[in-house]
Amino acid sequence: MRHLHVHVLSRDMHSPALRHRKHYNSFATPFLVDLADFPLPDDDPRRDPRGMGYLRRDLVCWRCGRNFGNQFKRLKEHLEDEFEAWRRE
């Protein structure tokens, strides 16, 4: 059996540890495969996440869908606002 490990992720995307574009995109794109999608078929493109360029994609807010291109600092500021709004709901 191949190695498998599972992460439980918070949807808020609000953390000082979120310091790089690749960190955000690893959680906000199909880079990490949802447990409900297992087992992946042999031809599923998510078997090669680096080849799909997930980590290099534009930065898109997980909540509202606003595209920040490659402007990580602006996304982080926006995520702060989104976190506060999400928390009040």
N, C-alpha and C. Protein backbone atom coordinates (compact mmCIF):
# COMPACT_ATOMS: atom_id res chain seq x y z
N MET A 1 0.84 -1.17 0.00
CA MET A 1 0.00 0.00 0.00
C MET A 1 0.89 1.24 0.00
N ARG A 2 0.52 2.23 -0.81
CA ARG A 2 1.27 3.47 -0.86
C ARG A 2 0.97 4.33 0.36
N HIS A 3 1.89 5.20 0.65
CA HIS A 3 1.76 6.11 1.79
C HIS A 3 0.62 7.11 1.54
N LEU A 4 -0.15 7.36 2.57
CA LEU A 4 -1.22 8.35 2.51
C LEU A 4 -1.26 9.06 3.85
N HIS A 5 -1.35 10.38 3.80
CA HIS A 5 -1.59 11.11 5.04
C HIS A 5 -2.67 12.15 4.77
N VAL A 6 -3.33 12.58 5.83
CA VAL A 6 -4.49 13.45 5.71
C VAL A 6 -4.25 14.73 6.51
N HIS A 7 -4.67 15.86 5.94
CA HIS A 7 -4.63 17.14 6.63
C HIS A 7 -6.06 17.61 6.84
N VAL A 8 -6.34 18.19 7.98
CA VAL A 8 -7.62 18.83 8.24
C VAL A 8 -7.36 20.33 8.16
N LEU A 9 -8.04 20.99 7.23
CA LEU A 9 -7.74 22.39 6.94
C LEU A 9 -8.90 23.30 7.32
N SER A 10 -8.55 24.42 7.87
CA SER A 10 -9.53 25.46 8.15
C SER A 10 -9.75 26.26 6.87
N ARG A 11 -10.96 26.66 6.61
CA ARG A 11 -11.26 27.43 5.39
C ARG A 11 -10.93 28.91 5.52
N ASP A 12 -10.59 29.40 6.70
CA ASP A 12 -10.45 30.85 6.86
C ASP A 12 -9.25 31.45 6.14
N MET A 13 -8.21 30.68 5.91
CA MET A 13 -7.01 31.16 5.21
C MET A 13 -6.41 32.39 5.88
N HIS A 14 -6.55 32.48 7.19
CA HIS A 14 -6.08 33.63 7.94
C HIS A 14 -5.04 33.16 8.94
N SER A 15 -3.77 33.38 8.59
CA SER A 15 -2.70 32.91 9.46
C SER A 15 -1.41 33.64 9.13
N PRO A 16 -0.62 33.99 10.14
CA PRO A 16 0.69 34.57 9.85
C PRO A 16 1.63 33.55 9.18
N ALA A 17 1.33 32.28 9.30
CA ALA A 17 2.15 31.25 8.66
C ALA A 17 1.93 31.19 7.15
N LEU A 18 0.87 31.81 6.67
CA LEU A 18 0.59 31.86 5.24
C LEU A 18 1.42 32.99 4.65
N ARG A 19 2.66 32.65 4.22
CA ARG A 19 3.61 33.68 3.84
C ARG A 19 3.99 33.70 2.36
N HIS A 20 3.54 32.71 1.62
CA HIS A 20 3.95 32.63 0.21
C HIS A 20 2.77 32.24 -0.67
N ARG A 21 2.85 32.67 -1.90
CA ARG A 21 1.83 32.36 -2.90
C ARG A 21 1.58 30.86 -2.97
N LYS A 22 2.65 30.07 -2.97
CA LYS A 22 2.49 28.62 -3.10
C LYS A 22 1.73 28.03 -1.90
N HIS A 23 1.90 28.63 -0.72
CA HIS A 23 1.15 28.14 0.45
C HIS A 23 -0.35 28.34 0.22
N TYR A 24 -0.72 29.55 -0.18
CA TYR A 24 -2.15 29.83 -0.40
C TYR A 24 -2.70 28.94 -1.50
N ASN A 25 -2.01 28.87 -2.62
CA ASN A 25 -2.52 28.09 -3.75
C ASN A 25 -2.54 26.59 -3.49
N SER A 26 -1.72 26.12 -2.58
CA SER A 26 -1.79 24.68 -2.26
C SER A 26 -3.11 24.35 -1.57
N PHE A 27 -3.69 25.33 -0.86
CA PHE A 27 -4.96 25.11 -0.16
C PHE A 27 -6.17 25.58 -0.96
N ALA A 28 -5.98 26.52 -1.89
CA ALA A 28 -7.11 27.14 -2.59
C ALA A 28 -7.31 26.61 -4.02
N THR A 29 -6.54 25.62 -4.41
CA THR A 29 -6.68 24.99 -5.73
C THR A 29 -6.80 23.48 -5.52
N PRO A 30 -6.99 22.72 -6.58
CA PRO A 30 -7.06 21.25 -6.43
C PRO A 30 -5.71 20.59 -6.16
N PHE A 31 -4.68 21.36 -5.79
CA PHE A 31 -3.36 20.79 -5.48
C PHE A 31 -3.49 19.68 -4.44
N LEU A 32 -4.25 19.96 -3.36
CA LEU A 32 -4.54 18.92 -2.37
C LEU A 32 -5.86 18.28 -2.75
N VAL A 33 -5.89 16.99 -2.75
CA VAL A 33 -7.07 16.25 -3.22
C VAL A 33 -8.03 16.00 -2.06
N ASP A 34 -9.29 16.31 -2.29
CA ASP A 34 -10.32 16.09 -1.28
C ASP A 34 -10.47 14.60 -1.00
N LEU A 35 -10.64 14.27 0.25
CA LEU A 35 -10.77 12.87 0.65
C LEU A 35 -11.92 12.17 -0.08
N ALA A 36 -12.98 12.91 -0.37
CA ALA A 36 -14.13 12.32 -1.07
C ALA A 36 -13.78 11.89 -2.50
N ASP A 37 -12.67 12.38 -3.04
CA ASP A 37 -12.29 12.05 -4.42
C ASP A 37 -11.42 10.79 -4.51
N PHE A 38 -11.09 10.19 -3.39
CA PHE A 38 -10.27 8.98 -3.41
C PHE A 38 -11.12 7.75 -3.62
N PRO A 39 -10.60 6.74 -4.27
CA PRO A 39 -9.29 6.70 -4.91
C PRO A 39 -9.32 7.41 -6.26
N LEU A 40 -8.21 8.06 -6.61
CA LEU A 40 -8.12 8.75 -7.89
C LEU A 40 -7.94 7.74 -9.02
N PRO A 41 -8.65 7.95 -10.11
CA PRO A 41 -8.42 7.09 -11.28
C PRO A 41 -6.99 7.26 -11.80
N ASP A 42 -6.48 6.28 -12.49
CA ASP A 42 -5.12 6.32 -13.01
C ASP A 42 -4.87 7.51 -13.92
N ASP A 43 -5.91 7.97 -14.65
CA ASP A 43 -5.71 9.06 -15.60
C ASP A 43 -6.08 10.43 -15.03
N ASP A 44 -6.33 10.53 -13.74
CA ASP A 44 -6.70 11.81 -13.14
C ASP A 44 -5.49 12.75 -13.14
N PRO A 45 -5.64 13.97 -13.65
CA PRO A 45 -4.50 14.89 -13.72
C PRO A 45 -3.99 15.32 -12.35
N ARG A 46 -4.78 15.15 -11.30
CA ARG A 46 -4.32 15.53 -9.95
C ARG A 46 -3.24 14.58 -9.43
N ARG A 47 -2.99 13.49 -10.14
CA ARG A 47 -1.89 12.60 -9.75
C ARG A 47 -0.53 13.29 -9.96
N ASP A 48 -0.51 14.34 -10.78
CA ASP A 48 0.71 15.11 -11.03
C ASP A 48 0.42 16.58 -10.75
N PRO A 49 0.26 16.96 -9.47
CA PRO A 49 -0.15 18.33 -9.16
C PRO A 49 0.83 19.40 -9.63
N ARG A 50 2.11 19.10 -9.65
CA ARG A 50 3.10 20.08 -10.11
C ARG A 50 2.94 20.32 -11.61
N GLY A 51 2.62 19.30 -12.34
CA GLY A 51 2.43 19.44 -13.78
C GLY A 51 1.22 20.27 -14.14
N MET A 52 0.25 20.36 -13.24
CA MET A 52 -0.96 21.14 -13.51
C MET A 52 -0.75 22.63 -13.23
N GLY A 53 0.35 23.00 -12.61
CA GLY A 53 0.65 24.40 -12.35
C GLY A 53 -0.23 25.05 -11.29
N TYR A 54 -0.80 24.26 -10.40
CA TYR A 54 -1.69 24.80 -9.37
C TYR A 54 -1.01 25.89 -8.53
N LEU A 55 0.25 25.67 -8.18
CA LEU A 55 0.93 26.60 -7.28
C LEU A 55 1.29 27.92 -7.96
N ARG A 56 1.27 27.94 -9.29
CA ARG A 56 1.59 29.16 -10.05
C ARG A 56 0.35 29.90 -10.54
N ARG A 57 -0.82 29.41 -10.23
CA ARG A 57 -2.05 30.06 -10.68
C ARG A 57 -2.23 31.42 -10.03
N ASP A 58 -3.11 32.23 -10.64
CA ASP A 58 -3.46 33.51 -10.04
C ASP A 58 -4.00 33.29 -8.64
N LEU A 59 -3.82 34.28 -7.79
CA LEU A 59 -4.33 34.24 -6.43
C LEU A 59 -5.79 34.69 -6.44
N VAL A 60 -6.69 33.78 -6.12
CA VAL A 60 -8.12 34.04 -6.15
C VAL A 60 -8.68 33.80 -4.75
N CYS A 61 -9.43 34.78 -4.26
CA CYS A 61 -10.02 34.66 -2.92
C CYS A 61 -10.92 33.44 -2.84
N TRP A 62 -10.73 32.64 -1.81
CA TRP A 62 -11.51 31.41 -1.64
C TRP A 62 -12.97 31.71 -1.36
N ARG A 63 -13.26 32.91 -0.85
CA ARG A 63 -14.61 33.22 -0.41
C ARG A 63 -15.42 33.98 -1.45
N CYS A 64 -14.85 35.03 -2.03
CA CYS A 64 -15.62 35.88 -2.94
C CYS A 64 -15.24 35.70 -4.40
N GLY A 65 -14.10 35.03 -4.66
CA GLY A 65 -13.69 34.77 -6.03
C GLY A 65 -12.91 35.89 -6.69
N ARG A 66 -12.62 36.96 -5.96
CA ARG A 66 -11.87 38.08 -6.53
C ARG A 66 -10.46 37.63 -6.89
N ASN A 67 -10.01 38.01 -8.09
CA ASN A 67 -8.70 37.61 -8.60
C ASN A 67 -7.68 38.70 -8.28
N PHE A 68 -6.59 38.32 -7.63
CA PHE A 68 -5.52 39.24 -7.26
C PHE A 68 -4.27 39.03 -8.11
N GLY A 69 -4.38 38.24 -9.17
CA GLY A 69 -3.21 37.99 -10.03
C GLY A 69 -2.08 37.41 -9.22
N ASN A 70 -0.94 38.11 -9.21
CA ASN A 70 0.20 37.64 -8.43
C ASN A 70 0.49 38.57 -7.24
N GLN A 71 -0.47 39.37 -6.84
CA GLN A 71 -0.30 40.36 -5.77
C GLN A 71 -0.65 39.75 -4.41
N PHE A 72 0.31 39.04 -3.85
CA PHE A 72 0.08 38.31 -2.61
C PHE A 72 -0.21 39.24 -1.44
N LYS A 73 0.50 40.36 -1.36
CA LYS A 73 0.27 41.29 -0.25
C LYS A 73 -1.17 41.80 -0.26
N ARG A 74 -1.69 42.15 -1.42
CA ARG A 74 -3.08 42.61 -1.52
C ARG A 74 -4.05 41.50 -1.15
N LEU A 75 -3.77 40.28 -1.58
CA LEU A 75 -4.63 39.15 -1.20
C LEU A 75 -4.65 38.99 0.31
N LYS A 76 -3.49 39.06 0.97
CA LYS A 76 -3.42 38.90 2.44
C LYS A 76 -4.26 39.97 3.14
N GLU A 77 -4.20 41.20 2.67
CA GLU A 77 -5.00 42.28 3.25
C GLU A 77 -6.49 41.97 3.06
N HIS A 78 -6.84 41.50 1.89
CA HIS A 78 -8.23 41.16 1.60
C HIS A 78 -8.69 39.98 2.47
N LEU A 79 -7.83 39.00 2.66
CA LEU A 79 -8.19 37.84 3.48
C LEU A 79 -8.45 38.24 4.93
N GLU A 80 -7.76 39.26 5.41
CA GLU A 80 -8.02 39.78 6.75
C GLU A 80 -9.46 40.29 6.85
N ASP A 81 -9.88 41.06 5.83
CA ASP A 81 -11.25 41.57 5.80
C ASP A 81 -12.26 40.43 5.67
N GLU A 82 -11.98 39.48 4.82
CA GLU A 82 -12.87 38.33 4.63
C GLU A 82 -13.00 37.52 5.92
N PHE A 83 -11.89 37.36 6.62
CA PHE A 83 -11.92 36.60 7.87
C PHE A 83 -12.85 37.26 8.88
N GLU A 84 -12.72 38.58 9.02
CA GLU A 84 -13.58 39.31 9.96
C GLU A 84 -15.05 39.19 9.57
N ALA A 85 -15.36 39.31 8.29
CA ALA A 85 -16.75 39.19 7.82
C ALA A 85 -17.27 37.77 8.04
N TRP A 86 -16.44 36.78 7.75
CA TRP A 86 -16.82 35.37 7.90
C TRP A 86 -17.08 35.04 9.37
N ARG A 87 -16.24 35.60 10.24
CA ARG A 87 -16.37 35.34 11.67
C ARG A 87 -17.66 35.93 12.24
N ARG A 88 -18.11 37.06 11.67
CA ARG A 88 -19.34 37.69 12.15
C ARG A 88 -20.60 36.96 11.70
N GLU A 89 -20.51 36.12 10.70
CA GLU A 89 -21.69 35.42 10.18
C GLU A 89 -22.24 34.39 11.15
